[in-house]
Amino acid sequence: MKSPVRILMVGEGAIAAIHMQALGHVSAARVVAVAGGDERNTRRFAEAWGIERVFTDYAHALEASGVDAVILATPSPLHARQAEQAIDAGKHVL
């Protein structure tokens, strides 16, 4: 895998922020995109964390973001379907 690993953060809430804090200590990983459900909140999250690309459509983000892996920081009932989509797109999933 390329270094740094390019990550798509899926979700813009409190759990996503906890993941971002942890990733701040991982030099081999870089969050390059965020996909969220609310455009304004997603843009705010991206600005707060210095994330370059913002998406409100998860499927489009998987196709367009040029990422290696996704972190699902969304409500638990969404995880199975979102994980399937990421795997089908050839991405690693957390």
PDB file of N, CA and C in Angstrom:
ATOM      1  N   MET A   1       0.841  -1.179   0.000  1.00  0.00           N
ATOM      2  CA  MET A   1       0.000   0.000   0.000  1.00  0.00           C
ATOM      3  C   MET A   1       0.885   1.240   0.000  1.00  0.00           C
ATOM      4  N   LYS A   2       0.389   2.280  -0.648  1.00  0.00           N
ATOM      5  CA  LYS A   2       1.112   3.541  -0.717  1.00  0.00           C
ATOM      6  C   LYS A   2       1.218   4.161   0.668  1.00  0.00           C
ATOM      7  N   SER A   3       2.236   4.986   0.840  1.00  0.00           N
ATOM      8  CA  SER A   3       2.367   5.707   2.093  1.00  0.00           C
ATOM      9  C   SER A   3       2.390   7.191   1.768  1.00  0.00           C
ATOM     10  N   PRO A   4       1.647   8.036   2.403  1.00  0.00           N
ATOM     11  CA  PRO A   4       0.704   7.655   3.445  1.00  0.00           C
ATOM     12  C   PRO A   4      -0.563   7.033   2.858  1.00  0.00           C
ATOM     13  N   VAL A   5      -1.242   6.267   3.686  1.00  0.00           N
ATOM     14  CA  VAL A   5      -2.535   5.708   3.303  1.00  0.00           C
ATOM     15  C   VAL A   5      -3.521   6.865   3.222  1.00  0.00           C
ATOM     16  N   ARG A   6      -4.212   6.956   2.108  1.00  0.00           N
ATOM     17  CA  ARG A   6      -5.183   8.044   1.884  1.00  0.00           C
ATOM     18  C   ARG A   6      -6.553   7.567   2.359  1.00  0.00           C
ATOM     19  N   ILE A   7      -7.131   8.302   3.306  1.00  0.00           N
ATOM     20  CA  ILE A   7      -8.354   7.874   3.986  1.00  0.00           C
ATOM     21  C   ILE A   7      -9.521   8.786   3.659  1.00  0.00           C
ATOM     22  N   LEU A   8     -10.681   8.165   3.474  1.00  0.00           N
ATOM     23  CA  LEU A   8     -11.964   8.863   3.394  1.00  0.00           C
ATOM     24  C   LEU A   8     -12.656   8.682   4.741  1.00  0.00           C
ATOM     25  N   MET A   9     -12.890   9.775   5.458  1.00  0.00           N
ATOM     26  CA  MET A   9     -13.648   9.738   6.706  1.00  0.00           C
ATOM     27  C   MET A   9     -15.121   9.833   6.336  1.00  0.00           C
ATOM     28  N   VAL A  10     -15.912   8.880   6.798  1.00  0.00           N
ATOM     29  CA  VAL A  10     -17.338   8.874   6.497  1.00  0.00           C
ATOM     30  C   VAL A  10     -18.078   9.224   7.786  1.00  0.00           C
ATOM     31  N   GLY A  11     -18.615  10.421   7.816  1.00  0.00           N
ATOM     32  CA  GLY A  11     -19.256  10.954   9.006  1.00  0.00           C
ATOM     33  C   GLY A  11     -18.524  12.199   9.458  1.00  0.00           C
ATOM     34  N   GLU A  12     -19.278  13.100  10.087  1.00  0.00           N
ATOM     35  CA  GLU A  12     -18.688  14.373  10.500  1.00  0.00           C
ATOM     36  C   GLU A  12     -18.995  14.713  11.951  1.00  0.00           C
ATOM     37  N   GLY A  13     -19.369  13.705  12.724  1.00  0.00           N
ATOM     38  CA  GLY A  13     -19.760  13.934  14.110  1.00  0.00           C
ATOM     39  C   GLY A  13     -18.660  13.657  15.110  1.00  0.00           C
ATOM     40  N   ALA A  14     -19.082  13.405  16.348  1.00  0.00           N
ATOM     41  CA  ALA A  14     -18.150  13.234  17.467  1.00  0.00           C
ATOM     42  C   ALA A  14     -17.208  12.047  17.285  1.00  0.00           C
ATOM     43  N   ILE A  15     -17.709  10.937  16.777  1.00  0.00           N
ATOM     44  CA  ILE A  15     -16.852   9.758  16.585  1.00  0.00           C
ATOM     45  C   ILE A  15     -15.811  10.038  15.512  1.00  0.00           C
ATOM     46  N   ALA A  16     -16.206  10.750  14.460  1.00  0.00           N
ATOM     47  CA  ALA A  16     -15.247  11.122  13.413  1.00  0.00           C
ATOM     48  C   ALA A  16     -14.136  11.990  13.999  1.00  0.00           C
ATOM     49  N   ALA A  17     -14.488  12.892  14.887  1.00  0.00           N
ATOM     50  CA  ALA A  17     -13.487  13.756  15.514  1.00  0.00           C
ATOM     51  C   ALA A  17     -12.514  12.948  16.369  1.00  0.00           C
ATOM     52  N   ILE A  18     -13.014  11.938  17.058  1.00  0.00           N
ATOM     53  CA  ILE A  18     -12.131  11.083  17.860  1.00  0.00           C
ATOM     54  C   ILE A  18     -11.154  10.346  16.948  1.00  0.00           C
ATOM     55  N   HIS A  19     -11.642   9.839  15.821  1.00  0.00           N
ATOM     56  CA  HIS A  19     -10.748   9.191  14.860  1.00  0.00           C
ATOM     57  C   HIS A  19      -9.707  10.181  14.337  1.00  0.00           C
ATOM     58  N   MET A  20     -10.114  11.402  14.060  1.00  0.00           N
ATOM     59  CA  MET A  20      -9.174  12.405  13.557  1.00  0.00           C
ATOM     60  C   MET A  20      -8.089  12.701  14.591  1.00  0.00           C
ATOM     61  N   GLN A  21      -8.467  12.780  15.867  1.00  0.00           N
ATOM     62  CA  GLN A  21      -7.466  13.005  16.916  1.00  0.00           C
ATOM     63  C   GLN A  21      -6.445  11.880  16.930  1.00  0.00           C
ATOM     64  N   ALA A  22      -6.931  10.646  16.863  1.00  0.00           N
ATOM     65  CA  ALA A  22      -6.024   9.491  16.875  1.00  0.00           C
ATOM     66  C   ALA A  22      -5.135   9.482  15.642  1.00  0.00           C
ATOM     67  N   LEU A  23      -5.706   9.794  14.476  1.00  0.00           N
ATOM     68  CA  LEU A  23      -4.928   9.782  13.240  1.00  0.00           C
ATOM     69  C   LEU A  23      -3.854  10.860  13.221  1.00  0.00           C
ATOM     70  N   GLY A  24      -4.008  11.865  14.037  1.00  0.00           N
ATOM     71  CA  GLY A  24      -2.978  12.895  14.153  1.00  0.00           C
ATOM     72  C   GLY A  24      -1.652  12.345  14.633  1.00  0.00           C
ATOM     73  N   HIS A  25      -1.672  11.161  15.210  1.00  0.00           N
ATOM     74  CA  HIS A  25      -0.459  10.517  15.721  1.00  0.00           C
ATOM     75  C   HIS A  25       0.068   9.443  14.773  1.00  0.00           C
ATOM     76  N   VAL A  26      -0.534   9.323  13.607  1.00  0.00           N
ATOM     77  CA  VAL A  26      -0.151   8.269  12.655  1.00  0.00           C
ATOM     78  C   VAL A  26       0.397   8.933  11.392  1.00  0.00           C
ATOM     79  N   SER A  27       1.702   8.954  11.274  1.00  0.00           N
ATOM     80  CA  SER A  27       2.317   9.649  10.140  1.00  0.00           C
ATOM     81  C   SER A  27       2.086   8.927   8.812  1.00  0.00           C
ATOM     82  N   ALA A  28       1.757   7.657   8.861  1.00  0.00           N
ATOM     83  CA  ALA A  28       1.557   6.880   7.632  1.00  0.00           C
ATOM     84  C   ALA A  28       0.119   6.938   7.128  1.00  0.00           C
ATOM     85  N   ALA A  29      -0.704   7.816   7.710  1.00  0.00           N
ATOM     86  CA  ALA A  29      -2.109   7.936   7.289  1.00  0.00           C
ATOM     87  C   ALA A  29      -2.459   9.404   7.129  1.00  0.00           C
ATOM     88  N   ARG A  30      -3.279   9.669   6.116  1.00  0.00           N
ATOM     89  CA  ARG A  30      -3.720  11.050   5.864  1.00  0.00           C
ATOM     90  C   ARG A  30      -5.173  11.035   5.414  1.00  0.00           C
ATOM     91  N   VAL A  31      -6.026  11.769   6.110  1.00  0.00           N
ATOM     92  CA  VAL A  31      -7.427  11.886   5.702  1.00  0.00           C
ATOM     93  C   VAL A  31      -7.477  12.943   4.601  1.00  0.00           C
ATOM     94  N   VAL A  32      -7.853  12.496   3.410  1.00  0.00           N
ATOM     95  CA  VAL A  32      -7.859  13.392   2.247  1.00  0.00           C
ATOM     96  C   VAL A  32      -9.263  13.797   1.828  1.00  0.00           C
ATOM     97  N   ALA A  33     -10.283  13.148   2.401  1.00  0.00           N
ATOM     98  CA  ALA A  33     -11.661  13.456   2.042  1.00  0.00           C
ATOM     99  C   ALA A  33     -12.581  13.091   3.198  1.00  0.00           C
ATOM    100  N   VAL A  34     -13.730  13.777   3.229  1.00  0.00           N
ATOM    101  CA  VAL A  34     -14.767  13.464   4.208  1.00  0.00           C
ATOM    102  C   VAL A  34     -16.096  13.415   3.473  1.00  0.00           C
ATOM    103  N   ALA A  35     -16.919  12.439   3.845  1.00  0.00           N
ATOM    104  CA  ALA A  35     -18.272  12.322   3.311  1.00  0.00           C
ATOM    105  C   ALA A  35     -19.237  12.375   4.486  1.00  0.00           C
ATOM    106  N   GLY A  36     -20.177  13.296   4.425  1.00  0.00           N
ATOM    107  CA  GLY A  36     -21.125  13.441   5.512  1.00  0.00           C
ATOM    108  C   GLY A  36     -22.537  13.637   5.000  1.00  0.00           C
ATOM    109  N   GLY A  37     -23.468  13.602   5.913  1.00  0.00           N
ATOM    110  CA  GLY A  37     -24.871  13.709   5.545  1.00  0.00           C
ATOM    111  C   GLY A  37     -25.384  15.132   5.444  1.00  0.00           C
ATOM    112  N   ASP A  38     -24.769  16.048   6.145  1.00  0.00           N
ATOM    113  CA  ASP A  38     -25.202  17.443   6.147  1.00  0.00           C
ATOM    114  C   ASP A  38     -24.066  18.290   5.565  1.00  0.00           C
ATOM    115  N   GLU A  39     -24.329  18.969   4.463  1.00  0.00           N
ATOM    116  CA  GLU A  39     -23.251  19.680   3.769  1.00  0.00           C
ATOM    117  C   GLU A  39     -22.570  20.730   4.638  1.00  0.00           C
ATOM    118  N   ARG A  40     -23.347  21.508   5.357  1.00  0.00           N
ATOM    119  CA  ARG A  40     -22.747  22.562   6.177  1.00  0.00           C
ATOM    120  C   ARG A  40     -21.864  21.965   7.279  1.00  0.00           C
ATOM    121  N   ASN A  41     -22.377  20.961   7.978  1.00  0.00           N
ATOM    122  CA  ASN A  41     -21.582  20.327   9.033  1.00  0.00           C
ATOM    123  C   ASN A  41     -20.356  19.629   8.467  1.00  0.00           C
ATOM    124  N   THR A  42     -20.488  19.021   7.306  1.00  0.00           N
ATOM    125  CA  THR A  42     -19.362  18.325   6.689  1.00  0.00           C
ATOM    126  C   THR A  42     -18.284  19.319   6.284  1.00  0.00           C
ATOM    127  N   ARG A  43     -18.682  20.449   5.730  1.00  0.00           N
ATOM    128  CA  ARG A  43     -17.704  21.490   5.362  1.00  0.00           C
ATOM    129  C   ARG A  43     -17.006  22.056   6.597  1.00  0.00           C
ATOM    130  N   ARG A  44     -17.759  22.264   7.665  1.00  0.00           N
ATOM    131  CA  ARG A  44     -17.156  22.742   8.917  1.00  0.00           C
ATOM    132  C   ARG A  44     -16.133  21.748   9.444  1.00  0.00           C
ATOM    133  N   PHE A  45     -16.507  20.467   9.413  1.00  0.00           N
ATOM    134  CA  PHE A  45     -15.600  19.420   9.877  1.00  0.00           C
ATOM    135  C   PHE A  45     -14.320  19.430   9.031  1.00  0.00           C
ATOM    136  N   ALA A  46     -14.482  19.516   7.723  1.00  0.00           N
ATOM    137  CA  ALA A  46     -13.319  19.524   6.825  1.00  0.00           C
ATOM    138  C   ALA A  46     -12.414  20.720   7.117  1.00  0.00           C
ATOM    139  N   GLU A  47     -13.001  21.868   7.320  1.00  0.00           N
ATOM    140  CA  GLU A  47     -12.207  23.058   7.621  1.00  0.00           C
ATOM    141  C   GLU A  47     -11.474  22.915   8.953  1.00  0.00           C
ATOM    142  N   ALA A  48     -12.157  22.393   9.954  1.00  0.00           N
ATOM    143  CA  ALA A  48     -11.550  22.238  11.281  1.00  0.00           C
ATOM    144  C   ALA A  48     -10.357  21.296  11.258  1.00  0.00           C
ATOM    145  N   TRP A  49     -10.407  20.284  10.391  1.00  0.00           N
ATOM    146  CA  TRP A  49      -9.358  19.261  10.369  1.00  0.00           C
ATOM    147  C   TRP A  49      -8.439  19.354   9.157  1.00  0.00           C
ATOM    148  N   GLY A  50      -8.615  20.366   8.333  1.00  0.00           N
ATOM    149  CA  GLY A  50      -7.736  20.542   7.178  1.00  0.00           C
ATOM    150  C   GLY A  50      -7.897  19.462   6.118  1.00  0.00           C
ATOM    151  N   ILE A  51      -9.129  19.024   5.903  1.00  0.00           N
ATOM    152  CA  ILE A  51      -9.410  17.978   4.914  1.00  0.00           C
ATOM    153  C   ILE A  51      -9.758  18.654   3.595  1.00  0.00           C
ATOM    154  N   GLU A  52      -9.108  18.211   2.536  1.00  0.00           N
ATOM    155  CA  GLU A  52      -9.208  18.876   1.240  1.00  0.00           C
ATOM    156  C   GLU A  52     -10.545  18.696   0.527  1.00  0.00           C
ATOM    157  N   ARG A  53     -11.087  17.500   0.529  1.00  0.00           N
ATOM    158  CA  ARG A  53     -12.258  17.208  -0.302  1.00  0.00           C
ATOM    159  C   ARG A  53     -13.469  16.902   0.559  1.00  0.00           C
ATOM    160  N   VAL A  54     -14.636  17.411   0.127  1.00  0.00           N
ATOM    161  CA  VAL A  54     -15.889  17.260   0.873  1.00  0.00           C
ATOM    162  C   VAL A  54     -16.934  16.653  -0.051  1.00  0.00           C
ATOM    163  N   PHE A  55     -17.631  15.642   0.464  1.00  0.00           N
ATOM    164  CA  PHE A  55     -18.695  14.977  -0.285  1.00  0.00           C
ATOM    165  C   PHE A  55     -19.922  14.830   0.600  1.00  0.00           C
ATOM    166  N   THR A  56     -21.101  14.893   0.000  1.00  0.00           N
ATOM    167  CA  THR A  56     -22.330  14.561   0.712  1.00  0.00           C
ATOM    168  C   THR A  56     -22.952  13.298   0.132  1.00  0.00           C
ATOM    169  N   ASP A  57     -22.353  12.742  -0.888  1.00  0.00           N
ATOM    170  CA  ASP A  57     -22.814  11.502  -1.505  1.00  0.00           C
ATOM    171  C   ASP A  57     -21.714  10.449  -1.321  1.00  0.00           C
ATOM    172  N   TYR A  58     -21.969   9.478  -0.473  1.00  0.00           N
ATOM    173  CA  TYR A  58     -20.970   8.464  -0.131  1.00  0.00           C
ATOM    174  C   TYR A  58     -20.513   7.671  -1.346  1.00  0.00           C
ATOM    175  N   ALA A  59     -21.442   7.228  -2.182  1.00  0.00           N
ATOM    176  CA  ALA A  59     -21.066   6.449  -3.371  1.00  0.00           C
ATOM    177  C   ALA A  59     -20.166   7.274  -4.280  1.00  0.00           C
ATOM    178  N   HIS A  60     -20.486   8.523  -4.451  1.00  0.00           N
ATOM    179  CA  HIS A  60     -19.647   9.395  -5.281  1.00  0.00           C
ATOM    180  C   HIS A  60     -18.274   9.584  -4.649  1.00  0.00           C
ATOM    181  N   ALA A  61     -18.234   9.715  -3.347  1.00  0.00           N
ATOM    182  CA  ALA A  61     -16.954   9.881  -2.648  1.00  0.00           C
ATOM    183  C   ALA A  61     -16.054   8.665  -2.853  1.00  0.00           C
ATOM    184  N   LEU A  62     -16.629   7.478  -2.816  1.00  0.00           N
ATOM    185  CA  LEU A  62     -15.839   6.268  -3.037  1.00  0.00           C
ATOM    186  C   LEU A  62     -15.227   6.255  -4.434  1.00  0.00           C
ATOM    187  N   GLU A  63     -15.962   6.734  -5.410  1.00  0.00           N
ATOM    188  CA  GLU A  63     -15.493   6.748  -6.798  1.00  0.00           C
ATOM    189  C   GLU A  63     -14.493   7.865  -7.062  1.00  0.00           C
ATOM    190  N   ALA A  64     -14.738   9.037  -6.497  1.00  0.00           N
ATOM    191  CA  ALA A  64     -14.019  10.235  -6.908  1.00  0.00           C
ATOM    192  C   ALA A  64     -12.874  10.656  -6.000  1.00  0.00           C
ATOM    193  N   SER A  65     -12.777  10.098  -4.840  1.00  0.00           N
ATOM    194  CA  SER A  65     -11.861  10.667  -3.852  1.00  0.00           C
ATOM    195  C   SER A  65     -10.427  10.174  -3.938  1.00  0.00           C
ATOM    196  N   GLY A  66     -10.144   9.120  -4.686  1.00  0.00           N
ATOM    197  CA  GLY A  66      -8.774   8.623  -4.781  1.00  0.00           C
ATOM    198  C   GLY A  66      -8.218   8.155  -3.453  1.00  0.00           C
ATOM    199  N   VAL A  67      -9.015   7.405  -2.704  1.00  0.00           N
ATOM    200  CA  VAL A  67      -8.595   6.952  -1.385  1.00  0.00           C
ATOM    201  C   VAL A  67      -8.269   5.454  -1.395  1.00  0.00           C
ATOM    202  N   ASP A  68      -7.493   5.059  -0.403  1.00  0.00           N
ATOM    203  CA  ASP A  68      -7.119   3.660  -0.221  1.00  0.00           C
ATOM    204  C   ASP A  68      -8.025   2.960   0.780  1.00  0.00           C
ATOM    205  N   ALA A  69      -8.557   3.732   1.740  1.00  0.00           N
ATOM    206  CA  ALA A  69      -9.313   3.140   2.842  1.00  0.00           C
ATOM    207  C   ALA A  69     -10.382   4.112   3.319  1.00  0.00           C
ATOM    208  N   VAL A  70     -11.394   3.564   3.989  1.00  0.00           N
ATOM    209  CA  VAL A  70     -12.437   4.396   4.589  1.00  0.00           C
ATOM    210  C   VAL A  70     -12.562   4.076   6.064  1.00  0.00           C
ATOM    211  N   ILE A  71     -12.914   5.081   6.821  1.00  0.00           N
ATOM    212  CA  ILE A  71     -13.273   4.907   8.227  1.00  0.00           C
ATOM    213  C   ILE A  71     -14.745   5.258   8.332  1.00  0.00           C
ATOM    214  N   LEU A  72     -15.540   4.313   8.794  1.00  0.00           N
ATOM    215  CA  LEU A  72     -16.980   4.527   8.944  1.00  0.00           C
ATOM    216  C   LEU A  72     -17.261   5.059  10.342  1.00  0.00           C
ATOM    217  N   ALA A  73     -17.514   6.351  10.414  1.00  0.00           N
ATOM    218  CA  ALA A  73     -17.843   7.018  11.675  1.00  0.00           C
ATOM    219  C   ALA A  73     -19.291   7.511  11.583  1.00  0.00           C
ATOM    220  N   THR A  74     -20.134   6.611  11.141  1.00  0.00           N
ATOM    221  CA  THR A  74     -21.548   6.874  10.917  1.00  0.00           C
ATOM    222  C   THR A  74     -22.364   6.069  11.920  1.00  0.00           C
ATOM    223  N   PRO A  75     -23.667   6.277  11.981  1.00  0.00           N
ATOM    224  CA  PRO A  75     -24.492   5.464  12.880  1.00  0.00           C
ATOM    225  C   PRO A  75     -24.352   3.963  12.563  1.00  0.00           C
ATOM    226  N   SER A  76     -24.297   3.159  13.584  1.00  0.00           N
ATOM    227  CA  SER A  76     -24.078   1.711  13.438  1.00  0.00           C
ATOM    228  C   SER A  76     -24.999   1.017  12.449  1.00  0.00           C
ATOM    229  N   PRO A  77     -26.294   1.365  12.381  1.00  0.00           N
ATOM    230  CA  PRO A  77     -27.154   0.668  11.417  1.00  0.00           C
ATOM    231  C   PRO A  77     -26.734   0.854   9.953  1.00  0.00           C
ATOM    232  N   LEU A  78     -25.907   1.842   9.677  1.00  0.00           N
ATOM    233  CA  LEU A  78     -25.438   2.084   8.308  1.00  0.00           C
ATOM    234  C   LEU A  78     -24.168   1.312   7.958  1.00  0.00           C
ATOM    235  N   HIS A  79     -23.472   0.808   8.953  1.00  0.00           N
ATOM    236  CA  HIS A  79     -22.147   0.236   8.742  1.00  0.00           C
ATOM    237  C   HIS A  79     -22.111  -0.931   7.759  1.00  0.00           C
ATOM    238  N   ALA A  80     -23.006  -1.859   7.866  1.00  0.00           N
ATOM    239  CA  ALA A  80     -22.941  -3.049   7.007  1.00  0.00           C
ATOM    240  C   ALA A  80     -23.029  -2.665   5.534  1.00  0.00           C
ATOM    241  N   ARG A  81     -24.022  -1.870   5.199  1.00  0.00           N
ATOM    242  CA  ARG A  81     -24.190  -1.465   3.791  1.00  0.00           C
ATOM    243  C   ARG A  81     -23.016  -0.616   3.315  1.00  0.00           C
ATOM    244  N   GLN A  82     -22.572   0.326   4.142  1.00  0.00           N
ATOM    245  CA  GLN A  82     -21.452   1.181   3.751  1.00  0.00           C
ATOM    246  C   GLN A  82     -20.165   0.380   3.617  1.00  0.00           C
ATOM    247  N   ALA A  83     -19.970  -0.596   4.480  1.00  0.00           N
ATOM    248  CA  ALA A  83     -18.782  -1.451   4.374  1.00  0.00           C
ATOM    249  C   ALA A  83     -18.821  -2.251   3.079  1.00  0.00           C
ATOM    250  N   GLU A  84     -19.979  -2.801   2.740  1.00  0.00           N
ATOM    251  CA  GLU A  84     -20.116  -3.542   1.480  1.00  0.00           C
ATOM    252  C   GLU A  84     -19.770  -2.658   0.289  1.00  0.00           C
ATOM    253  N   GLN A  85     -20.264  -1.423   0.298  1.00  0.00           N
ATOM    254  CA  GLN A  85     -19.982  -0.493  -0.799  1.00  0.00           C
ATOM    255  C   GLN A  85     -18.483  -0.221  -0.909  1.00  0.00           C
ATOM    256  N   ALA A  86     -17.829  -0.004   0.232  1.00  0.00           N
ATOM    257  CA  ALA A  86     -16.397   0.281   0.224  1.00  0.00           C
ATOM    258  C   ALA A  86     -15.600  -0.925  -0.269  1.00  0.00           C
ATOM    259  N   ILE A  87     -15.966  -2.106   0.198  1.00  0.00           N
ATOM    260  CA  ILE A  87     -15.276  -3.323  -0.226  1.00  0.00           C
ATOM    261  C   ILE A  87     -15.472  -3.537  -1.721  1.00  0.00           C
ATOM    262  N   ASP A  88     -16.695  -3.335  -2.192  1.00  0.00           N
ATOM    263  CA  ASP A  88     -16.974  -3.474  -3.626  1.00  0.00           C
ATOM    264  C   ASP A  88     -16.163  -2.470  -4.445  1.00  0.00           C
ATOM    265  N   ALA A  89     -15.826  -1.323  -3.856  1.00  0.00           N
ATOM    266  CA  ALA A  89     -15.029  -0.309  -4.530  1.00  0.00           C
ATOM    267  C   ALA A  89     -13.529  -0.563  -4.380  1.00  0.00           C
ATOM    268  N   GLY A  90     -13.173  -1.664  -3.693  1.00  0.00           N
ATOM    269  CA  GLY A  90     -11.769  -2.027  -3.527  1.00  0.00           C
ATOM    270  C   GLY A  90     -11.043  -1.270  -2.431  1.00  0.00           C
ATOM    271  N   LYS A  91     -11.788  -0.760  -1.460  1.00  0.00           N
ATOM    272  CA  LYS A  91     -11.187   0.008  -0.361  1.00  0.00           C
ATOM    273  C   LYS A  91     -11.073  -0.850   0.897  1.00  0.00           C
ATOM    274  N   HIS A  92     -10.076  -0.542   1.705  1.00  0.00           N
ATOM    275  CA  HIS A  92      -9.982  -1.145   3.034  1.00  0.00           C
ATOM    276  C   HIS A  92     -10.976  -0.410   3.924  1.00  0.00           C
ATOM    277  N   VAL A  93     -11.482  -1.083   4.961  1.00  0.00           N
ATOM    278  CA  VAL A  93     -12.553  -0.513   5.778  1.00  0.00           C
ATOM    279  C   VAL A  93     -12.260  -0.676   7.264  1.00  0.00           C
ATOM    280  N   LEU A  94     -12.482   0.408   8.007  1.00  0.00           N
ATOM    281  CA  LEU A  94     -12.471   0.353   9.470  1.00  0.00           C
ATOM    282  C   LEU A  94     -13.833   0.845   9.908  1.00  0.00           C
TER     283      LEU A  94
END
